[in-house]
Amino acid sequence: MAECARCKAYTQLFENGVPICLECTEERDPKRKPPNADQIRTALVNCIAQATARVSEANHKFSEAIGQFPSGLPHPDGVQRIKNASSELALARKEMMIAHKRFNDYVHSGIVPKDLERSG
């Protein structure tokens, strides 16, 4: 999930490649039309792609932390590095699962996430 360029709230909505939340968009242009189905689907797919990239990066960091200890016995600060990398990987996977759920809810049930809705 990206942070709104104006208020730093988390959002899936992008305008010209810039993340912006629904509230800031409506403040800027209250008569703006709601996003169409293609825009919503694109935003959700972009979220999945970003989350997948974060998982891949976190997985690489975790593998790197584990791989630095060929004997299997890391030194004390190495244990903390492994724990941190593991926590980062778990969080990235959770965010990816949320991104997939949001997309599936939209595709199968037509549920538009609140941060992508607009009051017309």
Protein backbone atom coordinates (compact mmCIF):
# COMPACT_ATOMS: atom_id res chain seq x y z
CA MET A 1 0.00 0.00 0.00
CA ALA A 2 1.23 3.47 -0.81
CA GLU A 3 1.01 6.66 1.24
CA CYS A 4 -1.06 9.58 0.01
CA ALA A 5 1.21 12.31 -1.32
CA ARG A 6 -0.77 14.95 0.60
CA CYS A 7 -1.84 13.53 3.97
CA LYS A 8 0.29 10.33 4.19
CA ALA A 9 -2.76 8.07 4.71
CA TYR A 10 -2.51 4.59 3.20
CA THR A 11 -4.22 4.29 -0.16
CA GLN A 12 -4.51 2.10 -3.25
CA LEU A 13 -5.65 4.99 -5.41
CA PHE A 14 -3.21 6.57 -7.84
CA GLU A 15 -3.69 9.66 -9.95
CA ASN A 16 -1.16 10.09 -12.77
CA GLY A 17 1.16 7.70 -10.96
CA VAL A 18 0.95 9.63 -7.67
CA PRO A 19 -0.71 7.96 -4.66
CA ILE A 20 -3.62 10.02 -3.34
CA CYS A 21 -6.37 9.07 -0.91
CA LEU A 22 -10.07 9.48 -1.57
CA GLU A 23 -10.47 12.34 0.91
CA CYS A 24 -7.69 14.42 -0.64
CA THR A 25 -9.02 13.76 -4.13
CA GLU A 26 -12.51 14.86 -3.15
CA GLU A 27 -11.17 17.98 -1.43
CA ARG A 28 -9.32 18.91 -4.60
CA ASP A 29 -12.20 18.18 -6.98
CA PRO A 30 -15.54 17.37 -5.29
CA LYS A 31 -17.39 16.95 -8.61
CA ARG A 32 -14.97 14.34 -9.92
CA LYS A 33 -16.52 11.17 -11.35
CA PRO A 34 -16.10 7.87 -9.55
CA PRO A 35 -13.44 5.54 -10.95
CA ASN A 36 -14.61 3.07 -13.57
CA ALA A 37 -14.20 -0.71 -13.33
CA ASP A 38 -10.96 -0.72 -15.31
CA GLN A 39 -9.38 1.90 -13.04
CA ILE A 40 -10.39 -0.02 -9.92
CA ARG A 41 -9.10 -3.30 -11.33
CA THR A 42 -5.83 -1.64 -12.39
CA ALA A 43 -5.33 -0.12 -8.92
CA LEU A 44 -5.95 -3.51 -7.28
CA VAL A 45 -3.61 -5.35 -9.67
CA ASN A 46 -0.93 -2.70 -9.06
CA CYS A 47 -1.33 -3.29 -5.34
CA ILE A 48 -0.78 -7.03 -5.86
CA ALA A 49 2.30 -6.35 -7.96
CA GLN A 50 3.77 -4.01 -5.34
CA ALA A 51 3.02 -6.44 -2.52
CA THR A 52 4.57 -9.30 -4.48
CA ALA A 53 7.70 -7.23 -5.07
CA ARG A 54 7.91 -6.50 -1.32
CA VAL A 55 7.59 -10.23 -0.56
CA SER A 56 10.33 -11.03 -3.05
CA GLU A 57 12.63 -8.40 -1.55
CA ALA A 58 11.91 -9.53 2.02
CA ASN A 59 12.45 -13.16 1.03
CA HIS A 60 15.81 -12.23 -0.49
CA LYS A 61 16.84 -10.42 2.72
CA PHE A 62 15.75 -13.40 4.83
CA SER A 63 17.66 -15.88 2.64
CA GLU A 64 20.69 -13.61 2.78
CA ALA A 65 20.54 -13.43 6.60
CA ILE A 66 20.23 -17.21 6.90
CA GLY A 67 22.95 -17.84 4.30
CA GLN A 68 25.58 -15.88 6.22
CA PHE A 69 25.86 -18.65 8.79
CA PRO A 70 27.03 -21.82 7.05
CA SER A 71 27.77 -23.53 10.37
CA GLY A 72 24.16 -23.08 11.45
CA LEU A 73 25.24 -21.21 14.57
CA PRO A 74 24.83 -17.45 14.08
CA HIS A 75 26.51 -15.02 16.43
CA PRO A 76 24.22 -13.02 18.81
CA ASP A 77 23.50 -10.04 16.53
CA GLY A 78 22.93 -12.49 13.68
CA VAL A 79 19.99 -13.97 15.56
CA GLN A 80 18.36 -10.54 15.72
CA ARG A 81 18.98 -9.97 12.00
CA ILE A 82 17.26 -13.27 11.23
CA LYS A 83 14.32 -12.36 13.49
CA ASN A 84 13.99 -8.93 11.84
CA ALA A 85 14.15 -10.41 8.35
CA SER A 86 11.59 -13.04 9.31
CA SER A 87 9.22 -10.41 10.71
CA GLU A 88 9.59 -8.29 7.59
CA LEU A 89 8.86 -11.31 5.39
CA ALA A 90 5.79 -12.26 7.44
CA LEU A 91 4.43 -8.70 7.22
CA ALA A 92 5.05 -8.54 3.46
CA ARG A 93 3.24 -11.86 2.97
CA LYS A 94 0.30 -10.65 5.04
CA GLU A 95 0.05 -7.46 2.94
CA MET A 96 0.17 -9.56 -0.23
CA MET A 97 -2.66 -11.77 1.06
CA ILE A 98 -4.72 -8.66 1.82
CA ALA A 99 -4.05 -7.33 -1.69
CA HIS A 100 -5.19 -10.62 -3.22
CA LYS A 101 -8.30 -10.71 -1.02
CA ARG A 102 -9.27 -7.17 -2.03
CA PHE A 103 -8.86 -8.07 -5.70
CA ASN A 104 -10.81 -11.32 -5.34
CA ASP A 105 -13.61 -9.57 -3.43
CA TYR A 106 -13.88 -7.04 -6.24
CA VAL A 107 -13.74 -9.53 -9.11
CA HIS A 108 -16.06 -12.15 -7.59
CA SER A 109 -18.43 -10.05 -5.48
CA GLY A 110 -18.13 -6.54 -6.89
CA ILE A 111 -16.98 -5.16 -3.54
CA VAL A 112 -15.07 -1.94 -4.15
CA PRO A 113 -12.55 -1.19 -1.38
CA LYS A 114 -13.41 1.96 0.57
CA ASP A 115 -10.20 3.72 -0.43
CA LEU A 116 -11.12 3.33 -4.11
CA GLU A 117 -14.76 4.39 -3.87
CA ARG A 118 -16.01 7.83 -4.76
CA SER A 119 -19.24 9.50 -3.93
CA GLY A 120 -20.41 10.73 -7.31
